[in-house]
Amino acid sequence: MIVIDCAINKDFVIDVLNNYDGEVKYNHVGTKGIKMSFECSEDCAQSAVLAKSIIKNTEIGSVLYFSCKHVDG
C-alpha cells in the first residue's frame, strides 16, 4: 500500500492514479485528512516512486506539494 499526503487537489491525484494506464494499477482505498491510500498491483516500494513521477508529470504536478511513501499493511 502507498500513502500520498496532499492538502489540495486530492480528487485530481486520485483520478490521475486510478486512471493510470500502465503496468502498475492503482486503486484508491480511502482518504483520511490529507492522507490518500492506494493499493498497488506491483511492488509497492517501486510503485510509490512511480506514482510520484506520474503526478509530477501532470499539468499541475510540478507545483503541487505532496509526498508519496510505501507503508506496510
PDB file of N, CA and C in Angstrom:
ATOM      1  N   MET A   1       0.853  -1.175   0.000  1.00  0.00           N
ATOM      2  CA  MET A   1       0.000   0.000   0.000  1.00  0.00           C
ATOM      3  C   MET A   1       0.896   1.235   0.000  1.00  0.00           C
ATOM      4  N   ILE A   2       0.459   2.253  -0.711  1.00  0.00           N
ATOM      5  CA  ILE A   2       1.165   3.533  -0.672  1.00  0.00           C
ATOM      6  C   ILE A   2       0.223   4.588  -0.102  1.00  0.00           C
ATOM      7  N   VAL A   3       0.830   5.593   0.515  1.00  0.00           N
ATOM      8  CA  VAL A   3       0.081   6.716   1.066  1.00  0.00           C
ATOM      9  C   VAL A   3       0.644   7.991   0.457  1.00  0.00           C
ATOM     10  N   ILE A   4      -0.263   8.834  -0.017  1.00  0.00           N
ATOM     11  CA  ILE A   4       0.118  10.126  -0.579  1.00  0.00           C
ATOM     12  C   ILE A   4      -0.477  11.203   0.306  1.00  0.00           C
ATOM     13  N   ASP A   5       0.386  12.070   0.820  1.00  0.00           N
ATOM     14  CA  ASP A   5      -0.047  13.203   1.631  1.00  0.00           C
ATOM     15  C   ASP A   5      -0.129  14.429   0.737  1.00  0.00           C
ATOM     16  N   CYS A   6      -1.308  15.011   0.667  1.00  0.00           N
ATOM     17  CA  CYS A   6      -1.510  16.182  -0.177  1.00  0.00           C
ATOM     18  C   CYS A   6      -2.705  16.965   0.374  1.00  0.00           C
ATOM     19  N   ALA A   7      -2.522  18.237   0.599  1.00  0.00           N
ATOM     20  CA  ALA A   7      -3.571  19.036   1.228  1.00  0.00           C
ATOM     21  C   ALA A   7      -4.620  19.534   0.228  1.00  0.00           C
ATOM     22  N   ILE A   8      -4.220  19.725  -1.011  1.00  0.00           N
ATOM     23  CA  ILE A   8      -5.159  20.243  -2.014  1.00  0.00           C
ATOM     24  C   ILE A   8      -5.168  19.322  -3.230  1.00  0.00           C
ATOM     25  N   ASN A   9      -6.179  19.457  -4.054  1.00  0.00           N
ATOM     26  CA  ASN A   9      -6.311  18.714  -5.308  1.00  0.00           C
ATOM     27  C   ASN A   9      -6.289  17.194  -5.115  1.00  0.00           C
ATOM     28  N   LYS A  10      -6.859  16.726  -4.003  1.00  0.00           N
ATOM     29  CA  LYS A  10      -6.899  15.286  -3.748  1.00  0.00           C
ATOM     30  C   LYS A  10      -7.676  14.544  -4.832  1.00  0.00           C
ATOM     31  N   ASP A  11      -8.804  15.099  -5.263  1.00  0.00           N
ATOM     32  CA  ASP A  11      -9.592  14.444  -6.311  1.00  0.00           C
ATOM     33  C   ASP A  11      -8.791  14.301  -7.604  1.00  0.00           C
ATOM     34  N   PHE A  12      -7.976  15.289  -7.910  1.00  0.00           N
ATOM     35  CA  PHE A  12      -7.128  15.242  -9.092  1.00  0.00           C
ATOM     36  C   PHE A  12      -6.120  14.104  -8.985  1.00  0.00           C
ATOM     37  N   VAL A  13      -5.457  13.994  -7.844  1.00  0.00           N
ATOM     38  CA  VAL A  13      -4.447  12.952  -7.626  1.00  0.00           C
ATOM     39  C   VAL A  13      -5.098  11.568  -7.708  1.00  0.00           C
ATOM     40  N   ILE A  14      -6.240  11.406  -7.066  1.00  0.00           N
ATOM     41  CA  ILE A  14      -6.951  10.129  -7.095  1.00  0.00           C
ATOM     42  C   ILE A  14      -7.305   9.763  -8.529  1.00  0.00           C
ATOM     43  N   ASP A  15      -7.822  10.715  -9.277  1.00  0.00           N
ATOM     44  CA  ASP A  15      -8.216  10.473 -10.662  1.00  0.00           C
ATOM     45  C   ASP A  15      -7.017  10.092 -11.520  1.00  0.00           C
ATOM     46  N   VAL A  16      -5.910  10.786 -11.356  1.00  0.00           N
ATOM     47  CA  VAL A  16      -4.708  10.507 -12.152  1.00  0.00           C
ATOM     48  C   VAL A  16      -4.218   9.079 -11.911  1.00  0.00           C
ATOM     49  N   LEU A  17      -4.127   8.687 -10.654  1.00  0.00           N
ATOM     50  CA  LEU A  17      -3.601   7.352 -10.365  1.00  0.00           C
ATOM     51  C   LEU A  17      -4.594   6.243 -10.691  1.00  0.00           C
ATOM     52  N   ASN A  18      -5.863   6.439 -10.368  1.00  0.00           N
ATOM     53  CA  ASN A  18      -6.861   5.407 -10.687  1.00  0.00           C
ATOM     54  C   ASN A  18      -6.973   5.160 -12.184  1.00  0.00           C
ATOM     55  N   ASN A  19      -6.719   6.187 -12.987  1.00  0.00           N
ATOM     56  CA  ASN A  19      -6.845   6.071 -14.436  1.00  0.00           C
ATOM     57  C   ASN A  19      -5.512   5.891 -15.154  1.00  0.00           C
ATOM     58  N   TYR A  20      -4.441   5.663 -14.392  1.00  0.00           N
ATOM     59  CA  TYR A  20      -3.127   5.453 -14.997  1.00  0.00           C
ATOM     60  C   TYR A  20      -3.164   4.171 -15.829  1.00  0.00           C
ATOM     61  N   ASP A  21      -2.730   4.272 -17.070  1.00  0.00           N
ATOM     62  CA  ASP A  21      -2.788   3.144 -17.998  1.00  0.00           C
ATOM     63  C   ASP A  21      -1.385   2.611 -18.244  1.00  0.00           C
ATOM     64  N   GLY A  22      -0.838   1.952 -17.235  1.00  0.00           N
ATOM     65  CA  GLY A  22       0.494   1.371 -17.350  1.00  0.00           C
ATOM     66  C   GLY A  22       0.512  -0.001 -16.718  1.00  0.00           C
ATOM     67  N   GLU A  23       1.709  -0.520 -16.515  1.00  0.00           N
ATOM     68  CA  GLU A  23       1.833  -1.854 -15.928  1.00  0.00           C
ATOM     69  C   GLU A  23       1.314  -1.907 -14.501  1.00  0.00           C
ATOM     70  N   VAL A  24       1.538  -0.857 -13.738  1.00  0.00           N
ATOM     71  CA  VAL A  24       1.084  -0.821 -12.348  1.00  0.00           C
ATOM     72  C   VAL A  24      -0.331  -0.259 -12.305  1.00  0.00           C
ATOM     73  N   LYS A  25      -1.178  -0.920 -11.581  1.00  0.00           N
ATOM     74  CA  LYS A  25      -2.550  -0.447 -11.380  1.00  0.00           C
ATOM     75  C   LYS A  25      -2.687   0.068  -9.962  1.00  0.00           C
ATOM     76  N   TYR A  26      -3.276   1.238  -9.819  1.00  0.00           N
ATOM     77  CA  TYR A  26      -3.506   1.860  -8.516  1.00  0.00           C
ATOM     78  C   TYR A  26      -4.996   1.857  -8.222  1.00  0.00           C
ATOM     79  N   ASN A  27      -5.340   1.552  -6.982  1.00  0.00           N
ATOM     80  CA  ASN A  27      -6.736   1.537  -6.564  1.00  0.00           C
ATOM     81  C   ASN A  27      -6.863   2.333  -5.267  1.00  0.00           C
ATOM     82  N   HIS A  28      -7.576   3.450  -5.345  1.00  0.00           N
ATOM     83  CA  HIS A  28      -7.792   4.287  -4.162  1.00  0.00           C
ATOM     84  C   HIS A  28      -8.686   3.547  -3.183  1.00  0.00           C
ATOM     85  N   VAL A  29      -8.209   3.383  -1.946  1.00  0.00           N
ATOM     86  CA  VAL A  29      -8.980   2.640  -0.947  1.00  0.00           C
ATOM     87  C   VAL A  29      -9.514   3.519   0.172  1.00  0.00           C
ATOM     88  N   GLY A  30      -9.059   4.758   0.237  1.00  0.00           N
ATOM     89  CA  GLY A  30      -9.601   5.639   1.263  1.00  0.00           C
ATOM     90  C   GLY A  30      -8.789   6.902   1.440  1.00  0.00           C
ATOM     91  N   THR A  31      -9.449   7.892   2.042  1.00  0.00           N
ATOM     92  CA  THR A  31      -8.814   9.167   2.355  1.00  0.00           C
ATOM     93  C   THR A  31      -9.171   9.543   3.779  1.00  0.00           C
ATOM     94  N   LYS A  32      -8.169   9.962   4.533  1.00  0.00           N
ATOM     95  CA  LYS A  32      -8.394  10.440   5.892  1.00  0.00           C
ATOM     96  C   LYS A  32      -7.547  11.693   6.076  1.00  0.00           C
ATOM     97  N   GLY A  33      -8.201  12.827   6.159  1.00  0.00           N
ATOM     98  CA  GLY A  33      -7.476  14.092   6.233  1.00  0.00           C
ATOM     99  C   GLY A  33      -6.735  14.337   4.931  1.00  0.00           C
ATOM    100  N   ILE A  34      -5.421  14.524   5.044  1.00  0.00           N
ATOM    101  CA  ILE A  34      -4.622  14.764   3.840  1.00  0.00           C
ATOM    102  C   ILE A  34      -4.022  13.472   3.276  1.00  0.00           C
ATOM    103  N   LYS A  35      -4.261  12.337   3.925  1.00  0.00           N
ATOM    104  CA  LYS A  35      -3.662  11.066   3.520  1.00  0.00           C
ATOM    105  C   LYS A  35      -4.599  10.265   2.617  1.00  0.00           C
ATOM    106  N   MET A  36      -4.111   9.951   1.421  1.00  0.00           N
ATOM    107  CA  MET A  36      -4.843   9.120   0.473  1.00  0.00           C
ATOM    108  C   MET A  36      -4.126   7.778   0.379  1.00  0.00           C
ATOM    109  N   SER A  37      -4.858   6.690   0.542  1.00  0.00           N
ATOM    110  CA  SER A  37      -4.276   5.352   0.499  1.00  0.00           C
ATOM    111  C   SER A  37      -4.633   4.668  -0.813  1.00  0.00           C
ATOM    112  N   PHE A  38      -3.630   3.986  -1.376  1.00  0.00           N
ATOM    113  CA  PHE A  38      -3.809   3.265  -2.638  1.00  0.00           C
ATOM    114  C   PHE A  38      -3.209   1.872  -2.522  1.00  0.00           C
ATOM    115  N   GLU A  39      -3.918   0.880  -3.056  1.00  0.00           N
ATOM    116  CA  GLU A  39      -3.353  -0.439  -3.233  1.00  0.00           C
ATOM    117  C   GLU A  39      -2.694  -0.461  -4.602  1.00  0.00           C
ATOM    118  N   CYS A  40      -1.636  -1.268  -4.735  1.00  0.00           N
ATOM    119  CA  CYS A  40      -0.886  -1.342  -5.982  1.00  0.00           C
ATOM    120  C   CYS A  40      -0.837  -2.784  -6.464  1.00  0.00           C
ATOM    121  N   SER A  41      -0.785  -2.950  -7.780  1.00  0.00           N
ATOM    122  CA  SER A  41      -0.732  -4.294  -8.351  1.00  0.00           C
ATOM    123  C   SER A  41       0.686  -4.853  -8.397  1.00  0.00           C
ATOM    124  N   GLU A  42       1.681  -4.025  -8.204  1.00  0.00           N
ATOM    125  CA  GLU A  42       3.085  -4.445  -8.247  1.00  0.00           C
ATOM    126  C   GLU A  42       3.742  -4.114  -6.909  1.00  0.00           C
ATOM    127  N   ASP A  43       5.052  -4.280  -6.836  1.00  0.00           N
ATOM    128  CA  ASP A  43       5.819  -3.960  -5.636  1.00  0.00           C
ATOM    129  C   ASP A  43       5.540  -2.522  -5.207  1.00  0.00           C
ATOM    130  N   CYS A  44       5.040  -2.358  -3.999  1.00  0.00           N
ATOM    131  CA  CYS A  44       4.588  -1.028  -3.562  1.00  0.00           C
ATOM    132  C   CYS A  44       5.729  -0.039  -3.356  1.00  0.00           C
ATOM    133  N   ALA A  45       6.907  -0.503  -2.994  1.00  0.00           N
ATOM    134  CA  ALA A  45       8.030   0.416  -2.827  1.00  0.00           C
ATOM    135  C   ALA A  45       8.368   1.083  -4.151  1.00  0.00           C
ATOM    136  N   GLN A  46       8.418   0.306  -5.214  1.00  0.00           N
ATOM    137  CA  GLN A  46       8.689   0.862  -6.542  1.00  0.00           C
ATOM    138  C   GLN A  46       7.481   1.610  -7.078  1.00  0.00           C
ATOM    139  N   SER A  47       6.292   1.150  -6.738  1.00  0.00           N
ATOM    140  CA  SER A  47       5.072   1.817  -7.187  1.00  0.00           C
ATOM    141  C   SER A  47       4.936   3.207  -6.585  1.00  0.00           C
ATOM    142  N   ALA A  48       5.458   3.407  -5.374  1.00  0.00           N
ATOM    143  CA  ALA A  48       5.424   4.731  -4.748  1.00  0.00           C
ATOM    144  C   ALA A  48       6.292   5.710  -5.535  1.00  0.00           C
ATOM    145  N   VAL A  49       7.450   5.261  -5.967  1.00  0.00           N
ATOM    146  CA  VAL A  49       8.344   6.104  -6.771  1.00  0.00           C
ATOM    147  C   VAL A  49       7.686   6.432  -8.108  1.00  0.00           C
ATOM    148  N   LEU A  50       7.063   5.430  -8.720  1.00  0.00           N
ATOM    149  CA  LEU A  50       6.378   5.651  -9.990  1.00  0.00           C
ATOM    150  C   LEU A  50       5.197   6.605  -9.825  1.00  0.00           C
ATOM    151  N   ALA A  51       4.425   6.446  -8.753  1.00  0.00           N
ATOM    152  CA  ALA A  51       3.275   7.325  -8.512  1.00  0.00           C
ATOM    153  C   ALA A  51       3.722   8.783  -8.408  1.00  0.00           C
ATOM    154  N   LYS A  52       4.832   9.018  -7.718  1.00  0.00           N
ATOM    155  CA  LYS A  52       5.347  10.390  -7.597  1.00  0.00           C
ATOM    156  C   LYS A  52       5.690  10.946  -8.972  1.00  0.00           C
ATOM    157  N   SER A  53       6.323  10.133  -9.799  1.00  0.00           N
ATOM    158  CA  SER A  53       6.686  10.561 -11.145  1.00  0.00           C
ATOM    159  C   SER A  53       5.443  10.829 -11.996  1.00  0.00           C
ATOM    160  N   ILE A  54       4.443   9.966 -11.888  1.00  0.00           N
ATOM    161  CA  ILE A  54       3.201  10.143 -12.645  1.00  0.00           C
ATOM    162  C   ILE A  54       2.549  11.475 -12.285  1.00  0.00           C
ATOM    163  N   ILE A  55       2.464  11.762 -10.998  1.00  0.00           N
ATOM    164  CA  ILE A  55       1.827  13.007 -10.542  1.00  0.00           C
ATOM    165  C   ILE A  55       2.656  14.211 -10.969  1.00  0.00           C
ATOM    166  N   LYS A  56       3.979  14.130 -10.804  1.00  0.00           N
ATOM    167  CA  LYS A  56       4.854  15.251 -11.171  1.00  0.00           C
ATOM    168  C   LYS A  56       4.758  15.589 -12.656  1.00  0.00           C
ATOM    169  N   ASN A  57       4.459  14.612 -13.492  1.00  0.00           N
ATOM    170  CA  ASN A  57       4.403  14.832 -14.940  1.00  0.00           C
ATOM    171  C   ASN A  57       3.042  15.291 -15.434  1.00  0.00           C
ATOM    172  N   THR A  58       2.138  15.646 -14.536  1.00  0.00           N
ATOM    173  CA  THR A  58       0.845  16.197 -14.942  1.00  0.00           C
ATOM    174  C   THR A  58       0.960  17.711 -15.074  1.00  0.00           C
ATOM    175  N   GLU A  59      -0.118  18.327 -15.556  1.00  0.00           N
ATOM    176  CA  GLU A  59      -0.097  19.779 -15.780  1.00  0.00           C
ATOM    177  C   GLU A  59       0.067  20.588 -14.496  1.00  0.00           C
ATOM    178  N   ILE A  60      -0.334  20.061 -13.333  1.00  0.00           N
ATOM    179  CA  ILE A  60      -0.165  20.812 -12.083  1.00  0.00           C
ATOM    180  C   ILE A  60       0.810  20.125 -11.132  1.00  0.00           C
ATOM    181  N   GLY A  61       1.307  18.957 -11.511  1.00  0.00           N
ATOM    182  CA  GLY A  61       2.169  18.178 -10.622  1.00  0.00           C
ATOM    183  C   GLY A  61       3.463  18.853 -10.230  1.00  0.00           C
ATOM    184  N   SER A  62       4.011  19.665 -11.126  1.00  0.00           N
ATOM    185  CA  SER A  62       5.295  20.306 -10.823  1.00  0.00           C
ATOM    186  C   SER A  62       5.176  21.393  -9.750  1.00  0.00           C
ATOM    187  N   VAL A  63       3.972  21.887  -9.497  1.00  0.00           N
ATOM    188  CA  VAL A  63       3.784  22.917  -8.472  1.00  0.00           C
ATOM    189  C   VAL A  63       2.975  22.413  -7.277  1.00  0.00           C
ATOM    190  N   LEU A  64       2.581  21.146  -7.324  1.00  0.00           N
ATOM    191  CA  LEU A  64       1.786  20.557  -6.257  1.00  0.00           C
ATOM    192  C   LEU A  64       2.708  20.035  -5.172  1.00  0.00           C
ATOM    193  N   TYR A  65       2.429  20.417  -3.914  1.00  0.00           N
ATOM    194  CA  TYR A  65       3.238  19.946  -2.784  1.00  0.00           C
ATOM    195  C   TYR A  65       2.615  18.669  -2.247  1.00  0.00           C
ATOM    196  N   PHE A  66       3.356  17.557  -2.333  1.00  0.00           N
ATOM    197  CA  PHE A  66       2.837  16.274  -1.856  1.00  0.00           C
ATOM    198  C   PHE A  66       4.001  15.350  -1.529  1.00  0.00           C
ATOM    199  N   SER A  67       3.710  14.304  -0.777  1.00  0.00           N
ATOM    200  CA  SER A  67       4.691  13.256  -0.521  1.00  0.00           C
ATOM    201  C   SER A  67       4.047  11.917  -0.824  1.00  0.00           C
ATOM    202  N   CYS A  68       4.861  10.966  -1.167  1.00  0.00           N
ATOM    203  CA  CYS A  68       4.372   9.646  -1.553  1.00  0.00           C
ATOM    204  C   CYS A  68       5.293   8.619  -0.912  1.00  0.00           C
ATOM    205  N   LYS A  69       4.711   7.671  -0.160  1.00  0.00           N
ATOM    206  CA  LYS A  69       5.543   6.683   0.524  1.00  0.00           C
ATOM    207  C   LYS A  69       4.864   5.332   0.581  1.00  0.00           C
ATOM    208  N   HIS A  70       5.669   4.308   0.703  1.00  0.00           N
ATOM    209  CA  HIS A  70       5.217   2.940   0.856  1.00  0.00           C
ATOM    210  C   HIS A  70       4.989   2.676   2.344  1.00  0.00           C
ATOM    211  N   VAL A  71       3.880   2.052   2.675  1.00  0.00           N
ATOM    212  CA  VAL A  71       3.608   1.660   4.059  1.00  0.00           C
ATOM    213  C   VAL A  71       3.202   0.195   4.078  1.00  0.00           C
ATOM    214  N   ASP A  72       3.490  -0.468   5.179  1.00  0.00           N
ATOM    215  CA  ASP A  72       3.077  -1.871   5.330  1.00  0.00           C
ATOM    216  C   ASP A  72       1.626  -1.925   5.725  1.00  0.00           C
ATOM    217  N   GLY A  73       0.910  -2.875   5.144  1.00  0.00           N
ATOM    218  CA  GLY A  73      -0.490  -3.085   5.519  1.00  0.00           C
ATOM    219  C   GLY A  73      -1.359  -2.226   4.770  1.00  0.00           C
TER     220      GLY A  73
END
